[in-house]
Protein backbone atom coordinates (compact mmCIF):
# COMPACT_ATOMS: atom_id res chain seq x y z
CA MET A 1 27.23 149.50 12.14
CA LEU A 2 28.64 145.99 12.53
CA THR A 3 25.16 144.57 13.12
CA PHE A 4 23.88 146.28 9.98
CA GLU A 5 26.79 144.88 7.96
CA TRP A 6 26.06 141.38 9.24
CA ILE A 7 22.37 141.64 8.40
CA ILE A 8 23.15 142.76 4.83
CA GLY A 9 25.69 139.98 4.46
CA LEU A 10 23.33 137.32 5.77
CA LEU A 11 20.49 138.43 3.50
CA LEU A 12 22.75 138.42 0.43
CA ALA A 13 24.10 135.01 1.40
CA ALA A 14 20.53 133.75 1.81
CA VAL A 15 19.63 135.01 -1.66
CA ALA A 16 22.60 133.12 -3.10
CA LEU A 17 21.65 129.97 -1.18
CA SER A 18 18.02 130.18 -2.34
CA ALA A 19 19.17 130.62 -5.95
CA LEU A 20 21.35 127.53 -5.60
CA ALA A 21 18.43 125.65 -4.05
CA ARG A 22 16.18 126.52 -7.01
CA ARG A 23 18.88 125.44 -9.43
CA ILE A 24 19.29 121.98 -7.92
CA LYS A 25 15.54 121.81 -7.10
CA VAL A 26 15.56 121.48 -3.31
CA PRO A 27 13.61 123.53 -0.74
CA TYR A 28 15.47 126.71 0.13
CA PRO A 29 14.96 126.21 3.92
CA THR A 30 17.38 123.27 3.63
CA PHE A 31 20.22 125.57 2.70
CA LEU A 32 19.12 128.15 5.27
CA ALA A 33 19.43 125.46 7.95
CA LEU A 34 22.91 124.58 6.70
CA GLY A 35 23.75 128.28 6.81
CA GLY A 36 22.63 128.38 10.43
CA VAL A 37 25.04 125.51 11.19
CA LEU A 38 27.91 127.44 9.61
CA LEU A 39 27.09 130.45 11.80
CA THR A 40 27.27 128.19 14.85
CA LEU A 41 30.80 127.22 13.89
CA LEU A 42 32.08 130.77 13.27
CA PRO A 43 33.93 132.06 16.36
CA TRP A 44 33.70 135.68 15.20
CA ALA A 45 29.95 135.66 14.52
CA PRO A 46 27.96 138.26 16.50
CA THR A 47 25.81 137.43 19.51
CA TRP A 48 22.27 138.74 19.03
CA ALA A 49 19.57 138.54 21.63
CA LEU A 50 15.84 138.52 20.91
CA GLU A 51 13.10 138.71 23.51
CA PRO A 52 11.64 135.17 23.66
CA LYS A 53 8.05 136.45 23.84
CA LEU A 54 8.62 138.31 20.58
CA ALA A 55 9.64 135.22 18.60
CA LEU A 56 6.20 133.76 17.87
CA ALA A 57 4.63 137.13 17.01
CA LEU A 58 7.54 138.17 14.79
CA PHE A 59 8.15 134.93 12.93
CA VAL A 60 4.87 133.00 13.00
CA ALA A 61 2.14 135.65 12.65
CA PRO A 62 3.06 136.98 9.14
CA VAL A 63 3.99 133.54 7.79
CA LEU A 64 0.74 132.07 9.04
CA LEU A 65 -1.38 134.91 7.66
CA ASP A 66 0.30 134.56 4.26
CA ALA A 67 -0.55 130.84 4.20
CA ALA A 68 -4.09 131.29 5.53
CA TYR A 69 -4.89 134.02 3.02
CA ASP A 70 -4.49 131.58 0.12
CA THR A 71 -6.35 128.73 1.83
CA SER A 72 -9.40 127.40 0.03
CA LEU A 73 -12.32 126.67 2.35
CA ARG A 74 -13.80 124.45 -0.33
CA ASP A 75 -10.68 122.28 -0.47
CA LEU A 76 -10.44 122.13 3.32
CA ARG A 77 -14.05 120.97 3.51
CA ASN A 78 -13.57 118.38 0.75
CA ASN A 79 -10.49 116.96 2.51
CA TRP A 80 -11.61 117.40 6.09
CA LEU A 81 -11.03 113.75 7.07
CA PRO A 82 -7.33 113.36 6.11
CA VAL A 83 -6.52 116.95 7.13
CA SER A 84 -8.16 116.59 10.54
CA THR A 85 -6.42 113.29 11.25
CA LEU A 86 -3.04 114.80 10.38
CA VAL A 87 -3.74 117.97 12.35
CA VAL A 88 -5.06 116.25 15.48
CA VAL A 89 -3.93 112.62 15.54
CA ALA A 90 -0.55 112.88 13.79
CA VAL A 91 0.46 115.89 15.88
CA GLY A 92 -0.75 114.15 19.05
CA VAL A 93 1.04 110.90 18.21
CA THR A 94 4.27 112.74 17.40
CA THR A 95 4.08 114.84 20.56
CA ALA A 96 3.42 111.79 22.75
CA ALA A 97 6.14 109.68 21.12
CA VAL A 98 8.74 112.43 21.47
CA ALA A 99 7.74 113.07 25.08
CA VAL A 100 8.03 109.38 26.00
CA VAL A 101 11.44 108.96 24.33
CA ALA A 102 12.73 112.26 25.76
CA HIS A 103 11.67 111.27 29.27
CA TRP A 104 13.16 107.79 28.79
CA LEU A 105 16.51 109.22 27.66
CA ARG A 106 16.49 111.91 30.35
CA PRO A 107 14.51 110.50 33.32
CA ASP A 108 15.05 113.73 35.26
CA MET A 109 13.22 115.73 32.56
CA PRO A 110 9.72 116.62 33.88
CA TRP A 111 6.80 115.39 31.79
CA PRO A 112 5.52 118.92 30.96
CA VAL A 113 8.99 119.80 29.62
CA ALA A 114 9.08 116.62 27.52
CA ILE A 115 5.57 117.35 26.18
CA ALA A 116 6.61 120.91 25.33
CA LEU A 117 9.55 119.51 23.33
CA GLY A 118 7.19 117.13 21.52
CA ALA A 119 4.82 119.96 20.64
CA ILE A 120 7.71 122.10 19.38
CA VAL A 121 8.94 119.50 16.89
CA ALA A 122 5.50 118.12 15.93
CA PRO A 123 4.22 120.53 13.20
CA PRO A 124 5.66 120.16 9.65
CA ASP A 125 6.56 123.35 7.81
CA ALA A 126 4.50 124.75 4.94
CA ALA A 127 7.33 126.58 3.16
CA ALA A 128 9.58 123.54 2.81
CA ALA A 129 6.83 121.27 1.47
CA THR A 130 5.47 123.91 -0.92
CA ALA A 131 8.93 124.57 -2.34
CA ILE A 132 9.08 120.92 -3.39
CA LEU A 133 5.46 120.45 -4.42
CA ARG A 134 5.63 123.32 -6.90
CA GLN A 135 8.43 121.58 -8.80
CA VAL A 136 6.74 118.25 -9.45
CA ASN A 137 3.53 116.82 -10.84
CA LEU A 138 1.87 115.84 -7.57
CA PRO A 139 -1.85 115.01 -7.45
CA TYR A 140 -3.94 118.03 -6.53
CA ARG A 141 -5.63 116.33 -3.58
CA ILE A 142 -2.29 115.55 -1.92
CA GLN A 143 -1.21 119.17 -2.33
CA LYS A 144 -4.40 120.44 -0.70
CA ILE A 145 -4.13 117.94 2.16
CA LEU A 146 -0.54 118.95 2.90
CA GLU A 147 -1.32 122.66 2.63
CA GLY A 148 -4.32 122.31 4.94
CA GLU A 149 -2.24 120.32 7.41
CA SER A 150 0.59 122.85 7.37
CA LEU A 151 -1.86 125.64 8.12
CA LEU A 152 -3.78 124.01 10.96
CA ASN A 153 -1.24 121.75 12.66
CA ASP A 154 0.57 124.81 14.01
CA ALA A 155 -2.57 125.61 16.00
CA SER A 156 -2.89 122.12 17.50
CA ALA A 157 0.83 121.80 18.27
CA LEU A 158 1.17 125.25 19.80
CA LEU A 159 -1.96 124.69 21.87
CA ILE A 160 -0.27 121.66 23.46
CA TYR A 161 2.92 123.71 23.75
CA ARG A 162 1.07 126.50 25.54
CA VAL A 163 -0.47 124.11 28.07
CA ALA A 164 2.88 122.37 28.72
CA VAL A 165 4.74 125.64 29.24
CA GLY A 166 1.93 126.83 31.50
CA LEU A 167 2.20 123.67 33.60
CA VAL A 168 5.93 124.25 34.05
CA ALA A 169 5.30 127.85 35.10
CA ALA A 170 2.50 126.86 37.51
CA GLU A 171 4.07 123.81 39.10
CA HIS A 172 1.05 122.66 41.08
CA MET A 173 -1.65 123.28 38.48
CA LYS A 174 -3.32 120.25 36.94
CA ILE A 175 -4.14 119.75 33.27
CA ARG A 176 -7.87 119.57 34.02
CA GLU A 177 -7.65 123.13 35.31
CA PHE A 178 -6.61 124.24 31.83
CA VAL A 179 -9.50 122.58 30.02
CA PRO A 180 -12.12 125.34 30.54
CA SER A 181 -9.66 128.06 29.49
CA ILE A 182 -8.62 126.03 26.43
CA THR A 183 -12.25 125.61 25.34
CA VAL A 184 -12.89 129.33 25.74
CA ALA A 185 -9.67 130.10 23.86
CA LEU A 186 -10.61 127.88 20.91
CA VAL A 187 -14.10 129.29 20.44
CA GLY A 188 -13.10 132.83 21.37
CA SER A 189 -10.13 132.83 18.99
CA LEU A 190 -12.25 131.96 15.95
CA ALA A 191 -14.88 134.56 16.88
CA ALA A 192 -12.25 137.19 17.63
CA GLY A 193 -10.49 136.59 14.31
CA TYR A 194 -13.73 137.11 12.41
CA LEU A 195 -14.59 140.28 14.37
CA PHE A 196 -11.08 141.69 14.03
CA ALA A 197 -11.26 141.17 10.27
CA GLN A 198 -14.61 142.95 9.97
CA VAL A 199 -13.42 145.92 12.04
CA TRP A 200 -10.08 146.13 10.25
CA MET A 201 -11.72 146.11 6.82
CA MET A 202 -13.95 149.00 7.86
CA ILE A 203 -10.94 150.98 9.12
CA THR A 204 -8.72 150.38 6.08
CA ARG A 205 -11.37 150.52 3.35
CA ARG A 206 -10.28 153.96 2.10
CA ILE A 207 -6.53 153.27 2.16
CA THR A 208 -5.57 152.75 -1.48
CA GLU A 209 -1.97 153.99 -1.60
CA ALA A 210 0.29 150.93 -1.83
CA PRO A 211 2.92 151.84 0.84
CA SER A 212 0.29 152.87 3.39
CA ALA A 213 -1.90 149.85 2.66
CA ILE A 214 0.97 147.37 2.98
CA ILE A 215 2.16 148.93 6.23
CA THR A 216 -1.37 148.67 7.66
CA GLN A 217 -1.55 145.03 6.53
CA PHE A 218 1.52 144.15 8.58
CA GLY A 219 0.47 146.40 11.43
CA GLY A 220 -2.94 144.75 11.53
CA THR A 221 -1.38 141.27 11.55
CA PHE A 222 0.86 142.01 14.53
CA MET A 223 -1.91 143.87 16.37
CA VAL A 224 -4.32 140.96 16.00
CA TRP A 225 -1.74 138.52 17.33
CA ILE A 226 -0.75 140.76 20.26
CA VAL A 227 -4.35 141.55 21.27
CA ALA A 228 -5.31 137.87 21.05
CA GLU A 229 -2.41 136.87 23.30
CA HIS A 230 -3.27 139.60 25.82
CA LEU A 231 -6.85 138.31 25.92
CA GLY A 232 -5.65 134.78 26.61
CA LEU A 233 -6.72 133.55 23.16
CA SER A 234 -4.80 131.49 20.63
CA GLY A 235 -2.85 133.82 18.36
CA ILE A 236 -2.61 131.05 15.74
CA LEU A 237 -6.36 130.41 15.47
CA THR A 238 -7.16 134.13 15.64
CA ILE A 239 -4.80 134.90 12.75
CA ILE A 240 -6.18 132.01 10.68
CA ALA A 241 -9.79 133.18 11.13
CA TYR A 242 -8.72 136.78 10.52
CA ALA A 243 -6.86 135.95 7.28
CA ILE A 244 -9.53 133.67 5.83
CA THR A 245 -12.25 136.26 6.52
CA ILE A 246 -10.29 139.02 4.82
CA ALA A 247 -9.38 136.77 1.89
CA ARG A 248 -13.05 136.21 1.04
CA THR A 249 -13.71 139.95 0.52
CA ALA A 250 -10.35 141.55 -0.25
CA PRO A 251 -10.22 140.67 -4.00
CA ALA A 252 -13.41 142.62 -4.69
CA ARG A 253 -12.19 145.83 -3.05
CA THR A 254 -8.47 145.76 -3.85
CA SER A 255 -7.04 147.34 -7.00
CA ALA A 256 -4.76 145.34 -9.27
CA ARG A 257 -1.82 147.66 -8.60
CA LEU A 258 -2.16 147.33 -4.83
CA ARG A 259 -2.65 143.56 -4.99
CA VAL A 260 0.45 142.98 -7.15
CA SER A 261 2.55 145.20 -4.86
CA SER A 262 1.21 143.52 -1.71
CA TYR A 263 1.87 140.00 -2.97
CA ALA A 264 5.46 140.89 -3.88
CA VAL A 265 6.14 142.49 -0.49
CA TRP A 266 4.56 139.63 1.48
CA GLU A 267 6.54 137.01 -0.44
CA THR A 268 9.75 138.93 0.27
CA VAL A 269 8.96 139.39 3.97
CA VAL A 270 8.18 135.68 4.44
CA PHE A 271 11.55 134.86 2.88
CA VAL A 272 13.36 137.39 5.12
CA LEU A 273 11.64 135.99 8.23
CA ASN A 274 12.76 132.47 7.32
CA VAL A 275 16.31 133.77 6.91
CA LEU A 276 16.27 135.58 10.25
CA ALA A 277 14.75 132.61 12.09
CA PHE A 278 17.40 130.17 10.88
CA MET A 279 20.25 132.61 11.39
CA LEU A 280 19.11 133.76 14.84
CA ILE A 281 18.72 130.23 16.11
CA GLY A 282 22.21 129.44 14.79
CA LEU A 283 23.62 132.42 16.65
CA GLN A 284 21.80 131.33 19.82
CA LEU A 285 23.31 127.85 19.58
CA ARG A 286 26.92 129.06 19.22
CA PRO A 287 27.44 130.09 22.87
CA ILE A 288 25.52 127.00 24.02
CA TRP A 289 27.70 124.71 21.92
CA SER A 290 30.97 126.39 22.90
CA GLU A 291 30.27 126.02 26.62
CA LEU A 292 29.69 122.26 26.42
CA ASP A 293 32.52 119.78 26.90
CA ASP A 294 32.97 116.89 24.47
CA GLU A 295 31.10 114.36 26.60
CA VAL A 296 28.05 116.57 27.04
CA ARG A 297 28.11 117.48 23.35
CA TRP A 298 27.94 113.78 22.49
CA LYS A 299 25.01 113.29 24.87
CA TYR A 300 23.16 116.29 23.41
CA CYS A 301 23.77 115.13 19.83
CA SER A 302 22.66 111.58 20.64
CA PHE A 303 19.50 112.92 22.26
CA ALA A 304 18.76 115.17 19.24
CA ALA A 305 19.38 112.31 16.79
CA ALA A 306 16.98 110.06 18.70
CA ILE A 307 14.26 112.73 18.70
CA LEU A 308 14.77 113.29 14.96
CA ALA A 309 14.30 109.56 14.31
CA VAL A 310 11.14 109.52 16.45
CA VAL A 311 9.70 112.55 14.61
CA ILE A 312 10.20 110.92 11.20
CA LEU A 313 9.01 107.45 12.24
CA ALA A 314 5.97 108.66 14.19
CA ARG A 315 4.48 110.27 11.09
CA ILE A 316 5.12 107.20 8.97
CA LEU A 317 3.66 104.89 11.61
CA TRP A 318 0.45 106.91 11.67
CA VAL A 319 -0.06 107.75 7.98
CA MET A 320 0.71 104.33 6.50
CA PRO A 321 -1.65 102.25 8.75
CA TYR A 322 -4.33 104.92 8.36
CA GLY A 323 -4.16 104.59 4.56
CA ALA A 324 -4.12 100.80 4.79
CA LEU A 325 -7.21 100.85 7.02
CA LEU A 326 -9.11 103.06 4.59
CA ARG A 327 -8.17 100.83 1.65
CA THR A 328 -9.39 97.77 3.57
CA LEU A 329 -12.71 99.45 4.39
CA LYS A 330 -13.06 100.54 0.78
CA ALA A 331 -12.50 97.00 -0.48
CA ARG A 332 -15.39 95.86 1.72
CA ASN A 333 -17.63 98.80 0.73
CA TRP A 334 -17.85 99.99 4.32
CA LEU A 335 -17.19 103.65 3.51
CA PRO A 336 -19.58 106.40 2.35
CA ALA A 337 -19.39 107.28 -1.33
CA HIS A 338 -17.77 110.69 -0.78
CA VAL A 339 -15.05 109.09 1.41
CA MET A 340 -14.40 106.34 -1.15
CA GLU A 341 -13.02 108.92 -3.59
CA ALA A 342 -10.55 110.22 -1.01
CA VAL A 343 -8.99 106.89 -0.05
CA PRO A 344 -5.22 107.19 -0.68
CA THR A 345 -3.23 104.67 -2.63
CA LEU A 346 -0.09 103.15 -1.15
CA LYS A 347 2.09 105.56 -3.16
CA ARG A 348 0.13 108.60 -2.01
CA SER A 349 0.23 107.50 1.62
CA PHE A 350 3.98 107.09 1.46
CA ILE A 351 4.53 110.56 -0.01
CA VAL A 352 2.30 112.17 2.62
CA SER A 353 4.16 110.31 5.36
CA TRP A 354 7.49 111.57 3.96
CA CYS A 355 6.39 115.23 3.73
CA GLY A 356 7.35 115.96 7.32
CA MET A 357 10.02 118.65 7.04
CA ARG A 358 10.12 121.01 10.02
CA GLY A 359 10.84 124.72 9.77
CA ILE A 360 10.18 128.20 11.05
CA VAL A 361 7.36 127.37 13.50
CA THR A 362 9.54 124.80 15.29
CA LEU A 363 12.41 127.28 15.51
CA ALA A 364 10.19 130.12 16.72
CA ALA A 365 8.46 127.97 19.35
CA ALA A 366 11.81 126.76 20.72
CA PHE A 367 13.18 130.29 20.76
CA ALA A 368 10.02 131.54 22.53
CA LEU A 369 10.64 129.38 25.60
CA PRO A 370 11.23 131.55 28.68
CA GLU A 371 14.84 131.99 29.77
CA TYR A 372 14.18 130.08 33.00
CA PHE A 373 12.60 127.09 31.23
CA PRO A 374 14.19 123.76 32.25
CA TYR A 375 16.43 122.16 29.60
CA ARG A 376 16.00 125.20 27.34
CA ASP A 377 19.49 124.82 25.82
CA LEU A 378 18.93 121.13 25.07
CA ILE A 379 15.51 121.89 23.55
CA LEU A 380 16.97 124.67 21.36
CA LEU A 381 19.69 122.37 20.06
CA THR A 382 17.26 119.48 19.54
CA ALA A 383 14.72 121.65 17.71
CA PHE A 384 17.40 122.93 15.34
CA ALA A 385 18.71 119.40 14.79
CA VAL A 386 15.21 118.15 13.95
CA VAL A 387 14.67 121.01 11.50
CA LEU A 388 18.08 120.50 9.88
CA GLY A 389 17.82 116.71 9.78
CA SER A 390 14.29 116.62 8.35
CA LEU A 391 15.13 119.23 5.72
CA VAL A 392 18.26 117.36 4.64
CA ILE A 393 16.95 113.77 4.87
CA GLN A 394 13.40 114.34 3.62
CA GLY A 395 13.82 117.61 1.73
CA LEU A 396 16.61 116.33 -0.50
CA THR A 397 14.93 112.99 -1.22
CA LEU A 398 11.29 114.05 -1.63
CA ARG A 399 11.50 115.25 -5.23
CA PRO A 400 13.37 112.15 -6.52
CA LEU A 401 10.82 109.95 -4.73
CA ILE A 402 7.87 111.77 -6.30
CA LEU A 403 9.45 111.54 -9.75
CA ALA A 404 10.24 107.84 -9.26
CA LEU A 405 6.64 107.07 -8.22
CA ASN A 406 5.39 108.75 -11.42
CA PHE A 407 2.08 110.19 -10.23
CA ASP A 408 -0.71 110.98 -12.68
CA ASP A 409 -3.05 113.93 -12.20
CA ASP A 410 -5.89 115.25 -14.35
CA ASP A 411 -4.96 118.89 -13.55
CA PRO A 412 -8.20 120.07 -11.92
CA VAL A 413 -6.79 123.59 -11.49
CA GLY A 414 -6.10 123.84 -15.21
CA ARG A 415 -9.61 122.65 -16.04
CA GLU A 416 -11.21 125.09 -13.61
CA ALA A 417 -9.04 127.95 -14.85
CA ALA A 418 -9.98 127.19 -18.45
CA HIS A 419 -13.67 127.18 -17.51
CA ALA A 420 -13.22 130.45 -15.60
CA ARG A 421 -11.54 132.12 -18.58
CA GLY A 422 -14.45 131.19 -20.80
CA VAL A 423 -16.93 132.67 -18.31
CA VAL A 424 -15.02 135.90 -17.73
CA PHE A 425 -14.43 136.51 -21.45
CA ARG A 426 -18.12 136.03 -22.16
CA ALA A 427 -18.91 138.50 -19.37
CA ALA A 428 -16.51 140.98 -20.94
CA LEU A 429 -18.23 140.53 -24.32
CA GLU A 430 -21.68 141.01 -22.80
CA GLU A 431 -20.55 144.23 -21.12
CA ILE A 432 -19.72 145.86 -24.45
CA ASP A 433 -22.27 144.02 -26.60
CA ALA A 434 -24.71 146.95 -26.77
CA ASP A 435 -22.08 149.52 -27.72
CA PRO A 436 -22.55 150.40 -31.43
CA SER A 437 -19.19 152.15 -31.89
CA GLU A 438 -16.57 150.92 -34.30
CA GLU A 439 -14.11 150.65 -31.44
CA ALA A 440 -16.50 148.33 -29.59
CA GLU A 441 -16.83 146.12 -32.67
CA ILE A 442 -13.05 145.86 -32.94
CA LEU A 443 -12.85 144.99 -29.26
CA ARG A 444 -15.59 142.34 -29.64
CA LEU A 445 -13.62 140.70 -32.45
CA GLU A 446 -10.52 140.67 -30.28
CA TYR A 447 -12.35 139.16 -27.31
CA ARG A 448 -13.98 136.50 -29.46
CA ALA A 449 -10.51 135.49 -30.61
CA VAL A 450 -9.36 135.40 -26.99
CA LEU A 451 -12.42 133.32 -26.07
CA VAL A 452 -11.69 130.79 -28.83
CA ARG A 453 -8.10 130.51 -27.65
CA ALA A 454 -9.17 130.12 -24.02
CA GLU A 455 -11.55 127.29 -24.89
CA ASN A 456 -8.98 125.48 -27.00
CA ASP A 457 -5.93 126.10 -24.80
CA PRO A 458 -6.29 125.51 -21.03
CA ASP A 459 -3.22 127.71 -20.45
CA GLY A 460 -4.40 130.55 -22.67
CA GLY A 461 -5.30 133.80 -20.92
CA LEU A 462 -5.50 137.52 -21.32
CA THR A 463 -2.49 139.30 -22.76
CA SER A 464 -1.61 142.97 -22.73
CA ARG A 465 -1.55 143.03 -26.54
CA GLU A 466 -5.33 142.62 -26.58
CA LEU A 467 -6.00 145.37 -24.06
CA PRO A 468 -5.01 148.91 -25.13
CA SER A 469 -5.97 151.68 -22.71
CA ASP A 470 -9.42 153.13 -23.05
CA PRO A 471 -12.54 153.27 -20.86
CA LEU A 472 -14.32 150.61 -22.90
CA ARG A 473 -11.71 148.02 -22.09
CA ARG A 474 -11.71 149.01 -18.45
CA ARG A 475 -15.43 148.25 -18.35
CA ALA A 476 -14.83 144.88 -19.96
CA ILE A 477 -12.14 143.96 -17.41
CA ALA A 478 -14.38 145.05 -14.53
CA ALA A 479 -17.20 142.83 -15.82
CA ALA A 480 -14.79 139.93 -16.25
CA ARG A 481 -13.51 140.39 -12.71
CA GLN A 482 -17.03 140.38 -11.27
CA ALA A 483 -17.82 137.17 -13.12
CA LEU A 484 -14.64 135.62 -11.68
CA LEU A 485 -15.62 136.65 -8.15
CA ASN A 486 -19.04 135.05 -8.64
CA LEU A 487 -17.41 131.78 -9.73
CA ARG A 488 -15.37 131.72 -6.55
CA ARG A 489 -18.27 132.74 -4.31
CA THR A 490 -20.43 129.89 -5.64
CA GLU A 491 -17.41 127.53 -5.38
CA THR A 492 -17.65 126.68 -9.07
CA ILE A 493 -13.88 127.11 -9.06
CA GLY A 494 -11.37 126.78 -6.24
CA ASP A 495 -9.00 129.40 -4.91
CA ASP A 496 -6.04 128.17 -6.99
CA ALA A 497 -7.87 128.65 -10.27
CA PHE A 498 -9.33 131.92 -8.98
CA HIS A 499 -5.91 133.39 -8.15
CA LEU A 500 -4.49 132.17 -11.46
CA VAL A 501 -7.11 133.98 -13.55
CA GLU A 502 -7.14 136.94 -11.14
CA GLU A 503 -3.42 137.42 -11.81
CA GLU A 504 -4.09 137.47 -15.55
CA LEU A 505 -6.79 140.11 -15.09
CA ASP A 506 -4.45 142.12 -12.86
CA ARG A 507 -1.78 142.15 -15.54
CA ALA A 508 -4.36 143.17 -18.11
CA GLU A 509 -5.65 145.98 -15.89
CA LEU A 510 -2.13 147.26 -15.22
CA SER A 511 -1.38 147.27 -18.94
CA VAL A 512 -4.52 149.35 -19.48
CA GLU A 513 -3.37 151.84 -16.85
CA ALA A 514 0.03 152.00 -18.53
């Protein structure tokens, strides 16, 4: 009963902290990290144990699927150069820099352990960056680059992490012995994710009841991760391929009622998992902290502060010279035309370099270390310190910096959404154009008015007032939805505009059902 009371109390406290975070416009993970610190200081807080192997599956799999589901392949392809450099080079540079400093500060720390620490703190967190980016007028390209990085850098960092942990477990195994298995894992994970998605869609095609469908969504996510790990594949890459494959077909076969319910549940679960990750890591640190004497505490804190500084500086020292190099090449016309458009300005490079908050993946990876792992306590404390420090230092200053730099953006999502509304309304009109009834004529007049408003107002969309319940209007909405799916399939619009108009059609369909 006491555990249940604590869980309820922590969730309610997290809701209050997130509300406060929204009010003062900071990412809610910042306050969750501070809450984890408070738990560390409470002598009467409970001691909860979680199987380390469960941490990545429990915390990372659903969060990653939620992010991958909304990923636009078109935007990833258009920004492949900056995304790939952040995913591969920035993560590699950060991992190497952290490993070198960690080994320098603790010469007795084996290199595989130092590399594992570097991989743990290397990937920035999607939730923290998104919480900020949604509050400010940031150029669309920067948003897509950061979202793509947040999705894929977990895979690169955890791949390094997996190799380093494996080297510690198999003391005499060389890195070159891992290379064939890594190659097989990379290719096999992408193929397995696609196949899992195809099979799962066939199995769940007839499940339309919201509770059953949502349960199978979560069950499928955990099953895919677990099976991938048992097969020696990368759970991260498998989940990404699985989610992106499902996302391309799910809108056409999912009802509005089920989609609205699913989105609400997934958003809530991702929030709860963030809460549990921060609180559990805080509870794990309490016994570690209490058993240390003052001198060792100072050494641990100094080590964690040094790693935090390296994590922040390593990203800046990669992103800023990279942007400067591209601007130099652009000035000399040494870049292809399609790359010229993507060259970042100094302001944009600085903001990307400062968007390095760490979060749930770092916590889960640290927690997932085996109990016997060397320096596990120091790594747990350091990982939490890096998450807390980056969320406080960068999370609290990012929004003021963006506002001070005064970015301009031409709102490509708004333009694409306005174009999509015009197309879907015309499709709705064409669907009922041949109907001679008086009701159809009234509906055509209403839709023409909606079409005029959509063309004149980029934010204008469907409203429930224009959609009373009758079969004729259901047909019109179905035709509009098909037109929207075609726009996305041909990549005339991106996923952001697609989901924006899809939500409007969902509300309209639900109002018809009501």
